[in-house]
Protein backbone atom coordinates (compact mmCIF):
# COMPACT_ATOMS: atom_id res chain seq x y z
CA MET A 1 0.00 0.00 0.00
CA ASP A 2 2.11 2.84 -1.29
CA GLY A 3 1.63 6.06 0.63
CA PHE A 4 0.20 4.40 3.72
CA LEU A 5 1.98 3.31 6.84
CA LEU A 6 0.56 0.16 8.38
CA SER A 7 0.87 1.93 11.74
CA GLN A 8 -1.83 4.33 10.48
CA ILE A 9 -4.36 1.59 9.72
CA TYR A 10 -6.63 0.57 12.59
CA PRO A 11 -8.52 -2.66 11.87
CA ILE A 12 -11.10 -4.16 14.22
CA ASP A 13 -10.82 -7.71 15.56
CA PRO A 14 -13.95 -9.51 14.33
CA SER A 15 -13.14 -12.59 16.43
CA LEU A 16 -14.22 -10.71 19.59
CA SER A 17 -17.75 -10.16 20.87
CA PRO A 18 -19.23 -6.78 19.88
CA GLU A 19 -18.64 -5.38 23.39
CA GLU A 20 -15.05 -6.63 23.53
CA CYS A 21 -14.37 -5.53 19.97
CA ALA A 22 -15.61 -1.99 20.61
CA ALA A 23 -13.50 -1.69 23.76
CA ALA A 24 -10.41 -3.10 22.06
CA TYR A 25 -10.84 -0.84 19.04
CA ALA A 26 -11.28 2.23 21.24
CA LYS A 27 -8.10 1.28 23.10
CA SER A 28 -6.28 0.76 19.78
CA LEU A 29 -7.29 4.24 18.62
CA GLU A 30 -6.28 5.76 21.95
CA THR A 31 -2.88 4.05 21.80
CA GLY A 32 -2.27 4.97 18.17
CA ILE A 33 -3.81 8.44 17.95
CA GLY A 34 -4.04 9.66 21.53
CA GLU A 35 -6.59 10.13 24.27
CA GLY A 36 -9.88 11.87 23.66
CA ILE A 37 -11.71 12.05 20.37
CA PRO A 38 -9.44 10.71 17.61
CA VAL A 39 -9.01 13.01 14.63
CA PHE A 40 -8.69 11.07 11.41
CA ASP A 41 -7.20 12.73 8.35
CA VAL A 42 -9.84 11.07 6.19
CA LEU A 43 -12.71 8.66 6.70
CA PHE A 44 -14.18 6.75 3.76
CA LEU A 45 -17.79 5.90 4.58
CA GLY A 46 -20.70 4.29 2.84
CA ILE A 47 -24.37 5.07 3.18
CA GLY A 48 -27.37 2.78 3.41
CA PRO A 49 -30.72 3.14 1.62
CA ASP A 50 -32.21 4.48 4.87
CA GLY A 51 -29.44 7.10 5.18
CA HIS A 52 -27.40 5.33 7.86
CA THR A 53 -23.63 5.53 7.87
CA CYS A 54 -21.25 3.37 9.86
CA SER A 55 -23.81 1.55 12.00
CA LEU A 56 -25.57 4.74 13.04
CA PHE A 57 -29.19 4.15 12.02
CA PRO A 58 -31.93 6.79 11.84
CA GLY A 59 -33.88 6.91 15.10
CA HIS A 60 -31.57 4.50 16.96
CA PRO A 61 -30.50 5.46 20.52
CA LEU A 62 -26.84 5.02 19.51
CA LEU A 63 -27.16 8.35 17.68
CA GLN A 64 -27.11 10.03 21.10
CA GLU A 65 -23.83 8.41 22.21
CA ASN A 66 -21.39 11.20 23.07
CA SER A 67 -19.12 9.69 25.71
CA LYS A 68 -17.61 6.82 23.67
CA THR A 69 -15.52 6.94 20.52
CA VAL A 70 -16.43 3.38 19.52
CA ALA A 71 -19.69 1.66 20.39
CA HIS A 72 -21.32 -1.68 19.78
CA ILE A 73 -24.83 -2.28 18.59
CA LEU A 74 -26.72 -5.49 19.33
CA ASP A 75 -30.05 -4.64 17.70
CA SER A 76 -29.21 -3.30 14.26
CA PRO A 77 -32.32 -2.85 12.12
CA LYS A 78 -30.32 -4.28 9.18
CA PRO A 79 -28.27 -7.49 9.14
CA PRO A 80 -26.02 -8.28 10.78
CA PRO A 81 -27.73 -7.44 14.08
CA GLN A 82 -24.45 -7.13 16.02
CA ARG A 83 -21.97 -4.47 14.88
CA VAL A 84 -19.19 -2.14 16.00
CA THR A 85 -19.10 1.50 14.93
CA LEU A 86 -17.38 4.80 15.39
CA THR A 87 -19.67 7.36 17.03
CA TYR A 88 -20.77 10.75 15.71
CA PRO A 89 -18.17 12.69 17.74
CA VAL A 90 -15.44 10.81 15.86
CA LEU A 91 -17.07 11.34 12.47
CA ASN A 92 -17.53 15.03 13.20
CA ALA A 93 -13.90 15.44 14.28
CA ALA A 94 -12.43 13.99 11.07
CA LYS A 95 -10.55 16.44 8.87
CA ASP A 96 -12.22 15.05 5.75
CA VAL A 97 -15.06 12.56 5.23
CA VAL A 98 -15.69 10.95 1.86
CA PHE A 99 -18.99 9.20 1.23
CA VAL A 100 -19.02 6.50 -1.42
CA SER A 101 -22.48 5.52 -2.59
CA THR A 102 -23.57 3.37 -5.51
CA GLY A 103 -26.87 1.85 -6.53
CA SER A 104 -30.33 3.17 -7.14
CA SER A 105 -31.52 2.02 -3.70
CA LYS A 106 -29.56 4.89 -2.15
CA LYS A 107 -30.76 7.61 -4.51
CA ASP A 108 -33.53 8.96 -2.26
CA ALA A 109 -31.31 9.03 0.84
CA MET A 110 -28.55 10.87 -1.02
CA ARG A 111 -30.98 13.34 -2.55
CA SER A 112 -32.47 14.06 0.89
CA ILE A 113 -29.04 14.55 2.48
CA LEU A 114 -27.84 16.83 -0.30
CA LYS A 115 -31.00 18.94 -0.16
CA VAL A 116 -30.47 19.56 3.55
CA ARG A 117 -26.79 20.35 3.01
CA LEU A 118 -26.90 22.26 -0.29
CA GLY A 119 -30.41 23.65 -0.43
CA SER A 120 -33.51 22.68 -2.33
CA HIS A 121 -32.19 23.37 -5.85
CA ILE A 122 -30.40 20.20 -6.81
CA ASN A 123 -30.24 19.24 -10.43
CA SER A 124 -29.71 15.56 -10.97
CA PRO A 125 -29.57 13.94 -14.38
CA ARG A 126 -30.96 10.72 -12.90
C-alpha cells in the first residue's frame, strides 16, 4: 500500500464479541492516535438506503452516544444485528469525510441529504 503506513491503519478484531471488539478498538485508537476524540485525516464511509452511515441508524439510541468513541450495537435494524461503529463525535472530528455511494436504492437518501446540506435546488440527471 504505497503512501500508507501500516501503523496508520486501525482494523477491528472480528473474532471478539461486539462489546469486547468496541472496547479493544477504542483502546487501539487511543494508543495509536491519543486520548480523547481521535481526529482522522480522512474517513471513507458508505451510506445505506435508509441514510445510515457506519452503524448509526436513523432513530436508533446510539445516535445520542457522546461519551464513547467506539460503540457496539446489538439490535441493528439491518443485518447483521451485532456491529461495531465509530460514534458521531469521531465522524464530526475527522478532517475530511468521503462518502461513497452506488446503486439506485440509495438515490432517495442521497438526494435528501444533499438537499439539507446544499439547499432545495439540486439538479440531478438521474
